Amino acid sequence: MSMLGSYLTLAAVLFCVGLFGVLTKRNAIIVLLSIELMLNAVNLNLVAFSKYGAQPSLAGQIFSLFSMTVAAAEAAVGIAVLIALYRRKATVNVDEYDELGR
């Protein structure tokens, strides 16, 4: 297997683990961490295709840096929303977050 294939396999495994966490876990913090894991798998794909693609360039790596910046902002906002929800409902179970505004 080529190096590109190894990176893509690792990214697919990371993405599947993250997807499994999003679909099966009920803890909101674990769900956010699983989404971050999926985003990191996408970043790994971007860097791998950037390095081993038909025309190697830095475009995928730069796009990956922007993606990490957005992911960090998403995590900060997500944690802030979770803290507000926890103060209101006193739970981090996503099944309890079924209504808006109460």
N, C-alpha and C. Protein backbone atom coordinates (compact mmCIF):
# COMPACT_ATOMS: atom_id res chain seq x y z
N MET A 1 0.84 -1.18 0.00
CA MET A 1 0.00 0.00 0.00
C MET A 1 0.89 1.25 0.00
N SER A 2 0.50 2.21 -0.79
CA SER A 2 1.28 3.44 -0.87
C SER A 2 1.08 4.29 0.38
N MET A 3 1.90 5.30 0.51
CA MET A 3 1.78 6.21 1.66
C MET A 3 0.43 6.92 1.64
N LEU A 4 -0.03 7.31 0.45
CA LEU A 4 -1.33 7.97 0.37
C LEU A 4 -2.43 7.04 0.86
N GLY A 5 -2.36 5.79 0.48
CA GLY A 5 -3.35 4.82 0.93
C GLY A 5 -3.34 4.63 2.43
N SER A 6 -2.16 4.67 3.02
CA SER A 6 -2.06 4.54 4.48
C SER A 6 -2.70 5.73 5.18
N TYR A 7 -2.44 6.93 4.69
CA TYR A 7 -3.03 8.12 5.28
C TYR A 7 -4.56 8.11 5.12
N LEU A 8 -5.02 7.70 3.96
CA LEU A 8 -6.47 7.68 3.72
C LEU A 8 -7.15 6.62 4.59
N THR A 9 -6.49 5.49 4.80
CA THR A 9 -7.03 4.45 5.67
C THR A 9 -7.11 4.95 7.11
N LEU A 10 -6.06 5.60 7.58
CA LEU A 10 -6.07 6.16 8.93
C LEU A 10 -7.17 7.21 9.07
N ALA A 11 -7.32 8.06 8.07
CA ALA A 11 -8.37 9.08 8.12
C ALA A 11 -9.75 8.45 8.12
N ALA A 12 -9.94 7.39 7.35
CA ALA A 12 -11.24 6.71 7.32
C ALA A 12 -11.56 6.08 8.68
N VAL A 13 -10.54 5.48 9.32
CA VAL A 13 -10.75 4.90 10.65
C VAL A 13 -11.10 5.99 11.66
N LEU A 14 -10.37 7.11 11.63
CA LEU A 14 -10.66 8.23 12.54
C LEU A 14 -12.07 8.77 12.32
N PHE A 15 -12.45 8.89 11.06
CA PHE A 15 -13.78 9.41 10.75
C PHE A 15 -14.86 8.46 11.25
N CYS A 16 -14.64 7.16 11.05
CA CYS A 16 -15.63 6.17 11.49
C CYS A 16 -15.75 6.13 13.01
N VAL A 17 -14.63 6.27 13.72
CA VAL A 17 -14.68 6.32 15.18
C VAL A 17 -15.45 7.56 15.63
N GLY A 18 -15.20 8.69 14.99
CA GLY A 18 -15.93 9.91 15.32
C GLY A 18 -17.42 9.79 15.01
N LEU A 19 -17.75 9.20 13.87
CA LEU A 19 -19.15 9.01 13.50
C LEU A 19 -19.85 8.09 14.49
N PHE A 20 -19.16 7.03 14.90
CA PHE A 20 -19.71 6.12 15.90
C PHE A 20 -19.99 6.87 17.20
N GLY A 21 -19.08 7.73 17.61
CA GLY A 21 -19.27 8.50 18.83
C GLY A 21 -20.44 9.46 18.73
N VAL A 22 -20.61 10.09 17.58
CA VAL A 22 -21.72 11.03 17.40
C VAL A 22 -23.06 10.31 17.43
N LEU A 23 -23.11 9.15 16.79
CA LEU A 23 -24.38 8.44 16.66
C LEU A 23 -24.78 7.65 17.90
N THR A 24 -23.83 7.26 18.73
CA THR A 24 -24.17 6.36 19.84
C THR A 24 -24.09 6.99 21.22
N LYS A 25 -23.30 8.00 21.41
CA LYS A 25 -23.11 8.56 22.74
C LYS A 25 -24.20 9.57 23.07
N ARG A 26 -24.53 9.67 24.33
CA ARG A 26 -25.56 10.60 24.79
C ARG A 26 -24.98 11.79 25.54
N ASN A 27 -23.70 11.74 25.86
CA ASN A 27 -23.05 12.85 26.55
C ASN A 27 -22.67 13.91 25.51
N ALA A 28 -23.12 15.14 25.73
CA ALA A 28 -22.91 16.20 24.75
C ALA A 28 -21.43 16.52 24.55
N ILE A 29 -20.63 16.40 25.60
CA ILE A 29 -19.20 16.68 25.47
C ILE A 29 -18.53 15.62 24.60
N ILE A 30 -18.91 14.37 24.77
CA ILE A 30 -18.36 13.30 23.94
C ILE A 30 -18.78 13.49 22.48
N VAL A 31 -19.99 13.96 22.26
CA VAL A 31 -20.45 14.23 20.89
C VAL A 31 -19.60 15.33 20.25
N LEU A 32 -19.32 16.40 21.00
CA LEU A 32 -18.46 17.46 20.46
C LEU A 32 -17.05 16.96 20.17
N LEU A 33 -16.51 16.14 21.06
CA LEU A 33 -15.17 15.57 20.82
C LEU A 33 -15.18 14.66 19.59
N SER A 34 -16.26 13.94 19.39
CA SER A 34 -16.36 13.06 18.22
C SER A 34 -16.43 13.88 16.93
N ILE A 35 -17.12 15.00 16.97
CA ILE A 35 -17.16 15.88 15.80
C ILE A 35 -15.77 16.43 15.50
N GLU A 36 -15.03 16.79 16.53
CA GLU A 36 -13.66 17.26 16.34
C GLU A 36 -12.78 16.16 15.74
N LEU A 37 -12.99 14.93 16.16
CA LEU A 37 -12.24 13.81 15.59
C LEU A 37 -12.55 13.64 14.11
N MET A 38 -13.80 13.82 13.74
CA MET A 38 -14.17 13.74 12.33
C MET A 38 -13.53 14.88 11.53
N LEU A 39 -13.50 16.07 12.10
CA LEU A 39 -12.86 17.19 11.41
C LEU A 39 -11.36 16.96 11.24
N ASN A 40 -10.73 16.35 12.24
CA ASN A 40 -9.30 16.04 12.12
C ASN A 40 -9.05 14.98 11.05
N ALA A 41 -9.97 14.05 10.87
CA ALA A 41 -9.84 13.08 9.79
C ALA A 41 -9.91 13.77 8.43
N VAL A 42 -10.78 14.73 8.32
CA VAL A 42 -10.88 15.51 7.07
C VAL A 42 -9.59 16.29 6.83
N ASN A 43 -9.05 16.89 7.89
CA ASN A 43 -7.79 17.62 7.76
C ASN A 43 -6.65 16.71 7.33
N LEU A 44 -6.63 15.50 7.85
CA LEU A 44 -5.61 14.53 7.43
C LEU A 44 -5.74 14.21 5.95
N ASN A 45 -6.97 14.08 5.47
CA ASN A 45 -7.19 13.85 4.04
C ASN A 45 -6.70 15.05 3.22
N LEU A 46 -7.00 16.25 3.68
CA LEU A 46 -6.56 17.44 2.94
C LEU A 46 -5.05 17.50 2.81
N VAL A 47 -4.35 17.24 3.90
CA VAL A 47 -2.89 17.29 3.87
C VAL A 47 -2.33 16.16 3.03
N ALA A 48 -2.90 14.97 3.13
CA ALA A 48 -2.41 13.82 2.35
C ALA A 48 -2.59 14.07 0.85
N PHE A 49 -3.76 14.54 0.46
CA PHE A 49 -3.98 14.82 -0.96
C PHE A 49 -3.11 15.98 -1.44
N SER A 50 -2.86 16.94 -0.55
CA SER A 50 -2.00 18.05 -0.91
C SER A 50 -0.56 17.59 -1.18
N LYS A 51 -0.10 16.65 -0.36
CA LYS A 51 1.29 16.20 -0.50
C LYS A 51 1.46 15.15 -1.60
N TYR A 52 0.53 14.20 -1.68
CA TYR A 52 0.70 13.08 -2.59
C TYR A 52 -0.21 13.14 -3.81
N GLY A 53 -0.88 14.25 -4.04
CA GLY A 53 -1.79 14.37 -5.17
C GLY A 53 -1.04 14.47 -6.49
N ALA A 54 -1.79 14.64 -7.57
CA ALA A 54 -1.21 14.72 -8.91
C ALA A 54 -0.30 15.94 -9.04
N GLN A 55 -0.69 17.05 -8.44
CA GLN A 55 0.13 18.26 -8.45
C GLN A 55 0.34 18.71 -7.01
N PRO A 56 1.42 18.24 -6.37
CA PRO A 56 1.64 18.61 -4.95
C PRO A 56 1.76 20.12 -4.78
N SER A 57 1.05 20.63 -3.78
CA SER A 57 1.09 22.06 -3.47
C SER A 57 0.78 22.25 -1.99
N LEU A 58 0.80 23.48 -1.57
CA LEU A 58 0.50 23.81 -0.19
C LEU A 58 -0.96 24.18 0.02
N ALA A 59 -1.77 24.11 -1.02
CA ALA A 59 -3.16 24.56 -0.92
C ALA A 59 -3.94 23.74 0.10
N GLY A 60 -3.78 22.43 0.09
CA GLY A 60 -4.50 21.59 1.04
C GLY A 60 -4.06 21.83 2.47
N GLN A 61 -2.77 22.09 2.66
CA GLN A 61 -2.27 22.34 4.00
C GLN A 61 -2.77 23.69 4.53
N ILE A 62 -2.82 24.68 3.67
CA ILE A 62 -3.33 25.99 4.07
C ILE A 62 -4.82 25.90 4.38
N PHE A 63 -5.56 25.18 3.53
CA PHE A 63 -6.98 24.99 3.78
C PHE A 63 -7.21 24.22 5.08
N SER A 64 -6.33 23.29 5.38
CA SER A 64 -6.41 22.55 6.63
C SER A 64 -6.19 23.46 7.83
N LEU A 65 -5.28 24.40 7.73
CA LEU A 65 -5.07 25.37 8.81
C LEU A 65 -6.31 26.22 9.05
N PHE A 66 -6.95 26.67 7.96
CA PHE A 66 -8.19 27.42 8.11
C PHE A 66 -9.28 26.55 8.73
N SER A 67 -9.33 25.30 8.34
CA SER A 67 -10.31 24.38 8.90
C SER A 67 -10.08 24.16 10.39
N MET A 68 -8.82 24.07 10.81
CA MET A 68 -8.52 23.93 12.24
C MET A 68 -8.92 25.17 13.02
N THR A 69 -8.76 26.34 12.41
CA THR A 69 -9.16 27.58 13.05
C THR A 69 -10.67 27.62 13.26
N VAL A 70 -11.41 27.23 12.24
CA VAL A 70 -12.86 27.19 12.35
C VAL A 70 -13.29 26.13 13.37
N ALA A 71 -12.59 24.99 13.41
CA ALA A 71 -12.92 23.94 14.37
C ALA A 71 -12.67 24.40 15.80
N ALA A 72 -11.62 25.17 16.01
CA ALA A 72 -11.35 25.70 17.35
C ALA A 72 -12.44 26.68 17.77
N ALA A 73 -12.86 27.52 16.85
CA ALA A 73 -13.94 28.45 17.17
C ALA A 73 -15.25 27.70 17.42
N GLU A 74 -15.49 26.67 16.64
CA GLU A 74 -16.69 25.85 16.83
C GLU A 74 -16.67 25.16 18.18
N ALA A 75 -15.52 24.69 18.60
CA ALA A 75 -15.41 24.04 19.91
C ALA A 75 -15.65 25.04 21.03
N ALA A 76 -15.12 26.24 20.90
CA ALA A 76 -15.33 27.26 21.93
C ALA A 76 -16.80 27.64 22.05
N VAL A 77 -17.45 27.83 20.92
CA VAL A 77 -18.87 28.18 20.94
C VAL A 77 -19.70 26.99 21.45
N GLY A 78 -19.33 25.79 21.03
CA GLY A 78 -20.05 24.60 21.48
C GLY A 78 -19.95 24.40 22.98
N ILE A 79 -18.76 24.59 23.53
CA ILE A 79 -18.59 24.47 24.98
C ILE A 79 -19.38 25.55 25.71
N ALA A 80 -19.39 26.77 25.18
CA ALA A 80 -20.17 27.85 25.80
C ALA A 80 -21.66 27.52 25.80
N VAL A 81 -22.16 27.00 24.69
CA VAL A 81 -23.57 26.61 24.62
C VAL A 81 -23.86 25.47 25.59
N LEU A 82 -22.96 24.51 25.68
CA LEU A 82 -23.15 23.41 26.62
C LEU A 82 -23.15 23.88 28.06
N ILE A 83 -22.30 24.82 28.40
CA ILE A 83 -22.29 25.36 29.77
C ILE A 83 -23.62 26.06 30.06
N ALA A 84 -24.13 26.81 29.10
CA ALA A 84 -25.41 27.48 29.31
C ALA A 84 -26.54 26.46 29.44
N LEU A 85 -26.52 25.41 28.62
CA LEU A 85 -27.55 24.37 28.73
C LEU A 85 -27.44 23.61 30.04
N TYR A 86 -26.22 23.36 30.47
CA TYR A 86 -26.03 22.66 31.73
C TYR A 86 -26.56 23.49 32.91
N ARG A 87 -26.34 24.78 32.86
CA ARG A 87 -26.85 25.64 33.93
C ARG A 87 -28.38 25.64 33.96
N ARG A 88 -28.98 25.52 32.79
CA ARG A 88 -30.43 25.56 32.70
C ARG A 88 -31.08 24.21 33.04
N LYS A 89 -30.52 23.11 32.53
CA LYS A 89 -31.13 21.79 32.69
C LYS A 89 -30.41 20.91 33.70
N ALA A 90 -29.19 21.24 34.08
CA ALA A 90 -28.37 20.47 35.03
C ALA A 90 -28.08 19.06 34.54
N THR A 91 -27.90 18.91 33.22
CA THR A 91 -27.52 17.63 32.65
C THR A 91 -26.78 17.86 31.33
N VAL A 92 -25.92 16.91 30.97
CA VAL A 92 -25.24 16.97 29.67
C VAL A 92 -25.74 15.88 28.73
N ASN A 93 -26.84 15.24 29.10
CA ASN A 93 -27.44 14.19 28.28
C ASN A 93 -28.18 14.84 27.12
N VAL A 94 -27.84 14.47 25.90
CA VAL A 94 -28.44 15.13 24.73
C VAL A 94 -29.91 14.78 24.58
N ASP A 95 -30.39 13.71 25.19
CA ASP A 95 -31.81 13.38 25.11
C ASP A 95 -32.66 14.38 25.89
N GLU A 96 -32.07 15.07 26.84
CA GLU A 96 -32.80 16.04 27.64
C GLU A 96 -32.95 17.38 26.94
N TYR A 97 -32.17 17.61 25.88
CA TYR A 97 -32.21 18.88 25.17
C TYR A 97 -33.17 18.78 24.00
N ASP A 98 -34.46 18.67 24.28
CA ASP A 98 -35.43 18.48 23.22
C ASP A 98 -36.35 19.69 23.01
N GLU A 99 -36.17 20.72 23.81
CA GLU A 99 -37.01 21.91 23.68
C GLU A 99 -36.14 23.15 23.65
N LEU A 100 -36.60 24.14 22.91
CA LEU A 100 -35.90 25.43 22.85
C LEU A 100 -36.65 26.45 23.67
N GLY A 101 -35.94 27.24 24.43
CA GLY A 101 -36.53 28.38 25.08
C GLY A 101 -37.17 28.15 26.43
N ARG A 102 -37.16 26.96 26.95
CA ARG A 102 -37.76 26.74 28.27
C ARG A 102 -36.71 26.66 29.32
